[in-house]
């Protein structure tokens, strides 16, 4: 967070209301994520979906950090290597940011788990586990 504020100051963007709003949103997401982890750790009655919720919040926060960092750097966000602003830290995070929403189960899978196990919603219709791939319904 401090690095992003430093970038905004260096580039003369610290008084831009949109940049300030983006930085505030990112700070809030980061703090909510931290507090949620502390709350989960201290909880006695866990529902079993806290980890799924934490993962979804983390991936959302990371995507938002990618967007804010890229916006702050502008065209400099496309540079890579030793000449890149911030030593390439924002660029590396930009390239890495899609991974967490995939590994450990996609965000959609996490939402299904939260809906079914945490909220008691019914499973999606259609049980195709025993159906051969060639017999699965297809579009077009």
C-alpha atoms as a PDB file:
ATOM      1  CA  UNK A   1       0.000   0.000   0.000  1.00  0.00           C
ATOM      2  CA  UNK A   2       2.804   2.396   0.897  1.00  0.00           C
ATOM      3  CA  UNK A   3       4.430   1.683  -2.459  1.00  0.00           C
ATOM      4  CA  UNK A   4       1.242   2.659  -4.293  1.00  0.00           C
ATOM      5  CA  UNK A   5       0.934   5.880  -2.311  1.00  0.00           C
ATOM      6  CA  UNK A   6       4.578   6.624  -3.142  1.00  0.00           C
ATOM      7  CA  UNK A   7       3.917   6.050  -6.852  1.00  0.00           C
ATOM      8  CA  UNK A   8       0.927   8.407  -6.709  1.00  0.00           C
ATOM      9  CA  UNK A   9       3.039  11.091  -5.034  1.00  0.00           C
ATOM     10  CA  UNK A  10       5.968  10.654  -7.451  1.00  0.00           C
ATOM     11  CA  UNK A  11       3.660  11.016 -10.435  1.00  0.00           C
ATOM     12  CA  UNK A  12       1.772  13.992  -8.984  1.00  0.00           C
ATOM     13  CA  UNK A  13      -1.465  12.015  -8.728  1.00  0.00           C
ATOM     14  CA  UNK A  14      -1.946  12.148  -4.967  1.00  0.00           C
ATOM     15  CA  UNK A  15      -4.509  14.971  -5.216  1.00  0.00           C
ATOM     16  CA  UNK A  16      -6.522  13.328  -7.996  1.00  0.00           C
ATOM     17  CA  UNK A  17      -9.866  12.351  -6.403  1.00  0.00           C
ATOM     18  CA  UNK A  18     -10.185   9.195  -8.513  1.00  0.00           C
ATOM     19  CA  UNK A  19      -6.704   8.020  -7.534  1.00  0.00           C
ATOM     20  CA  UNK A  20      -7.403   8.788  -3.887  1.00  0.00           C
ATOM     21  CA  UNK A  21     -10.654   6.823  -4.080  1.00  0.00           C
ATOM     22  CA  UNK A  22      -8.875   3.868  -5.723  1.00  0.00           C
ATOM     23  CA  UNK A  23      -6.144   3.896  -3.072  1.00  0.00           C
ATOM     24  CA  UNK A  24      -8.729   4.124  -0.288  1.00  0.00           C
ATOM     25  CA  UNK A  25     -10.683   1.203  -1.762  1.00  0.00           C
ATOM     26  CA  UNK A  26      -7.525  -0.883  -2.017  1.00  0.00           C
ATOM     27  CA  UNK A  27      -6.577  -0.030   1.569  1.00  0.00           C
ATOM     28  CA  UNK A  28     -10.074  -0.980   2.769  1.00  0.00           C
ATOM     29  CA  UNK A  29     -10.003  -4.300   0.892  1.00  0.00           C
ATOM     30  CA  UNK A  30      -6.590  -5.119   2.332  1.00  0.00           C
ATOM     31  CA  UNK A  31      -7.693  -4.238   5.854  1.00  0.00           C
ATOM     32  CA  UNK A  32     -10.972  -6.181   5.538  1.00  0.00           C
ATOM     33  CA  UNK A  33      -8.975  -9.183   4.331  1.00  0.00           C
ATOM     34  CA  UNK A  34      -6.610  -8.925   7.307  1.00  0.00           C
ATOM     35  CA  UNK A  35      -9.420  -8.491   9.838  1.00  0.00           C
ATOM     36  CA  UNK A  36     -11.417 -11.330   8.288  1.00  0.00           C
ATOM     37  CA  UNK A  37      -8.438 -13.656   8.711  1.00  0.00           C
ATOM     38  CA  UNK A  38      -8.068 -12.628  12.367  1.00  0.00           C
ATOM     39  CA  UNK A  39     -11.801 -13.132  12.944  1.00  0.00           C
ATOM     40  CA  UNK A  40     -11.689 -16.565  11.340  1.00  0.00           C
ATOM     41  CA  UNK A  41      -8.685 -17.577  13.414  1.00  0.00           C
ATOM     42  CA  UNK A  42     -10.419 -16.521  16.640  1.00  0.00           C
ATOM     43  CA  UNK A  43     -13.859 -17.983  15.815  1.00  0.00           C
ATOM     44  CA  UNK A  44     -15.215 -20.895  17.804  1.00  0.00           C
ATOM     45  CA  UNK A  45     -18.157 -21.838  15.581  1.00  0.00           C
ATOM     46  CA  UNK A  46     -16.860 -22.106  12.052  1.00  0.00           C
ATOM     47  CA  UNK A  47     -19.231 -22.789   9.167  1.00  0.00           C
ATOM     48  CA  UNK A  48     -16.551 -24.484   7.083  1.00  0.00           C
ATOM     49  CA  UNK A  49     -16.554 -21.923   4.290  1.00  0.00           C
ATOM     50  CA  UNK A  50     -14.350 -19.261   5.876  1.00  0.00           C
ATOM     51  CA  UNK A  51     -11.349 -20.385   3.849  1.00  0.00           C
ATOM     52  CA  UNK A  52     -13.372 -20.218   0.637  1.00  0.00           C
ATOM     53  CA  UNK A  53     -14.550 -16.702   1.456  1.00  0.00           C
ATOM     54  CA  UNK A  54     -11.007 -15.627   2.347  1.00  0.00           C
ATOM     55  CA  UNK A  55      -9.686 -16.978  -0.951  1.00  0.00           C
ATOM     56  CA  UNK A  56     -12.337 -15.124  -2.959  1.00  0.00           C
ATOM     57  CA  UNK A  57     -11.638 -11.877  -1.101  1.00  0.00           C
ATOM     58  CA  UNK A  58      -7.896 -12.321  -1.615  1.00  0.00           C
ATOM     59  CA  UNK A  59      -8.282 -12.858  -5.368  1.00  0.00           C
ATOM     60  CA  UNK A  60     -10.578  -9.829  -5.637  1.00  0.00           C
ATOM     61  CA  UNK A  61      -8.098  -7.700  -3.675  1.00  0.00           C
ATOM     62  CA  UNK A  62      -5.213  -8.865  -5.847  1.00  0.00           C
ATOM     63  CA  UNK A  63      -7.100  -8.058  -9.061  1.00  0.00           C
ATOM     64  CA  UNK A  64      -7.966  -4.624  -7.687  1.00  0.00           C
ATOM     65  CA  UNK A  65      -4.310  -4.035  -6.722  1.00  0.00           C
ATOM     66  CA  UNK A  66      -3.315  -4.991 -10.267  1.00  0.00           C
ATOM     67  CA  UNK A  67      -5.777  -2.494 -11.744  1.00  0.00           C
ATOM     68  CA  UNK A  68      -4.808   0.342  -9.409  1.00  0.00           C
ATOM     69  CA  UNK A  69      -1.073  -0.283  -9.857  1.00  0.00           C
ATOM     70  CA  UNK A  70      -1.387  -0.360 -13.635  1.00  0.00           C
ATOM     71  CA  UNK A  71      -3.453   2.831 -13.628  1.00  0.00           C
ATOM     72  CA  UNK A  72      -0.893   4.605 -11.439  1.00  0.00           C
ATOM     73  CA  UNK A  73       2.019   3.597 -13.672  1.00  0.00           C
ATOM     74  CA  UNK A  74       0.219   4.301 -16.933  1.00  0.00           C
ATOM     75  CA  UNK A  75       2.343   3.259 -19.912  1.00  0.00           C
ATOM     76  CA  UNK A  76       5.162   2.466 -17.468  1.00  0.00           C
ATOM     77  CA  UNK A  77       3.149  -0.590 -16.416  1.00  0.00           C
ATOM     78  CA  UNK A  78       4.180  -2.219 -19.707  1.00  0.00           C
ATOM     79  CA  UNK A  79       7.908  -1.966 -18.992  1.00  0.00           C
ATOM     80  CA  UNK A  80       9.740  -5.012 -17.699  1.00  0.00           C
ATOM     81  CA  UNK A  81      13.188  -5.466 -16.248  1.00  0.00           C
ATOM     82  CA  UNK A  82      15.576  -3.161 -14.401  1.00  0.00           C
ATOM     83  CA  UNK A  83      14.267  -0.009 -16.123  1.00  0.00           C
ATOM     84  CA  UNK A  84      10.681  -0.654 -15.055  1.00  0.00           C
ATOM     85  CA  UNK A  85       9.118   1.647 -12.471  1.00  0.00           C
ATOM     86  CA  UNK A  86       9.096   0.091  -8.971  1.00  0.00           C
ATOM     87  CA  UNK A  87      11.725  -2.370 -10.180  1.00  0.00           C
ATOM     88  CA  UNK A  88       9.012  -4.339 -11.941  1.00  0.00           C
ATOM     89  CA  UNK A  89       7.116  -5.279  -8.752  1.00  0.00           C
ATOM     90  CA  UNK A  90       3.765  -4.000 -10.037  1.00  0.00           C
ATOM     91  CA  UNK A  91       4.365  -5.571 -13.442  1.00  0.00           C
ATOM     92  CA  UNK A  92       5.199  -8.928 -11.872  1.00  0.00           C
ATOM     93  CA  UNK A  93       2.053  -8.768  -9.747  1.00  0.00           C
ATOM     94  CA  UNK A  94       0.045  -7.900 -12.868  1.00  0.00           C
ATOM     95  CA  UNK A  95       1.297 -11.005 -14.656  1.00  0.00           C
ATOM     96  CA  UNK A  96       0.777 -13.156 -11.552  1.00  0.00           C
ATOM     97  CA  UNK A  97      -2.676 -11.810 -10.592  1.00  0.00           C
ATOM     98  CA  UNK A  98      -4.851 -14.269 -12.596  1.00  0.00           C
ATOM     99  CA  UNK A  99      -3.268 -17.329 -10.934  1.00  0.00           C
ATOM    100  CA  UNK A 100      -4.921 -17.195  -7.470  1.00  0.00           C
ATOM    101  CA  UNK A 101      -8.406 -17.145  -8.978  1.00  0.00           C
ATOM    102  CA  UNK A 102      -7.572 -20.494 -10.626  1.00  0.00           C
ATOM    103  CA  UNK A 103      -5.358 -22.504  -8.271  1.00  0.00           C
ATOM    104  CA  UNK A 104      -7.040 -24.042  -5.256  1.00  0.00           C
ATOM    105  CA  UNK A 105     -10.331 -24.020  -7.164  1.00  0.00           C
ATOM    106  CA  UNK A 106     -11.652 -21.304  -9.423  1.00  0.00           C
ATOM    107  CA  UNK A 107     -13.632 -18.459  -7.930  1.00  0.00           C
ATOM    108  CA  UNK A 108     -16.800 -19.953  -9.425  1.00  0.00           C
ATOM    109  CA  UNK A 109     -16.120 -23.286  -7.707  1.00  0.00           C
ATOM    110  CA  UNK A 110     -15.532 -21.389  -4.442  1.00  0.00           C
ATOM    111  CA  UNK A 111     -18.885 -19.596  -4.878  1.00  0.00           C
ATOM    112  CA  UNK A 112     -20.625 -22.934  -5.430  1.00  0.00           C
ATOM    113  CA  UNK A 113     -19.049 -24.352  -2.259  1.00  0.00           C
ATOM    114  CA  UNK A 114     -20.110 -21.323  -0.213  1.00  0.00           C
ATOM    115  CA  UNK A 115     -23.634 -21.504  -1.636  1.00  0.00           C
ATOM    116  CA  UNK A 116     -24.068 -25.220  -1.064  1.00  0.00           C
ATOM    117  CA  UNK A 117     -22.214 -25.756   2.214  1.00  0.00           C
ATOM    118  CA  UNK A 118     -22.462 -22.364   3.859  1.00  0.00           C
ATOM    119  CA  UNK A 119     -25.864 -21.142   2.724  1.00  0.00           C
ATOM    120  CA  UNK A 120     -27.547 -24.509   2.196  1.00  0.00           C
ATOM    121  CA  UNK A 121     -28.507 -23.785  -1.418  1.00  0.00           C
ATOM    122  CA  UNK A 122     -29.256 -26.736  -3.698  1.00  0.00           C
ATOM    123  CA  UNK A 123     -26.576 -28.040  -6.051  1.00  0.00           C
ATOM    124  CA  UNK A 124     -26.701 -27.011  -9.673  1.00  0.00           C
ATOM    125  CA  UNK A 125     -29.100 -29.184 -11.678  1.00  0.00           C
ATOM    126  CA  UNK A 126     -27.751 -32.110 -13.644  1.00  0.00           C
ATOM    127  CA  UNK A 127     -25.448 -34.789 -12.338  1.00  0.00           C
ATOM    128  CA  UNK A 128     -23.079 -35.667 -15.156  1.00  0.00           C
ATOM    129  CA  UNK A 129     -20.394 -37.454 -13.129  1.00  0.00           C
ATOM    130  CA  UNK A 130     -21.207 -40.853 -14.644  1.00  0.00           C
ATOM    131  CA  UNK A 131     -21.803 -39.511 -18.177  1.00  0.00           C
ATOM    132  CA  UNK A 132     -19.021 -40.064 -20.737  1.00  0.00           C
ATOM    133  CA  UNK A 133     -17.542 -36.808 -22.043  1.00  0.00           C
ATOM    134  CA  UNK A 134     -18.761 -37.484 -25.590  1.00  0.00           C
ATOM    135  CA  UNK A 135     -22.359 -37.651 -24.274  1.00  0.00           C
ATOM    136  CA  UNK A 136     -22.294 -34.384 -22.315  1.00  0.00           C
ATOM    137  CA  UNK A 137     -24.574 -31.595 -23.600  1.00  0.00           C
ATOM    138  CA  UNK A 138     -22.755 -29.119 -25.848  1.00  0.00           C
ATOM    139  CA  UNK A 139     -23.515 -25.704 -27.270  1.00  0.00           C
ATOM    140  CA  UNK A 140     -24.021 -25.444 -31.021  1.00  0.00           C
END
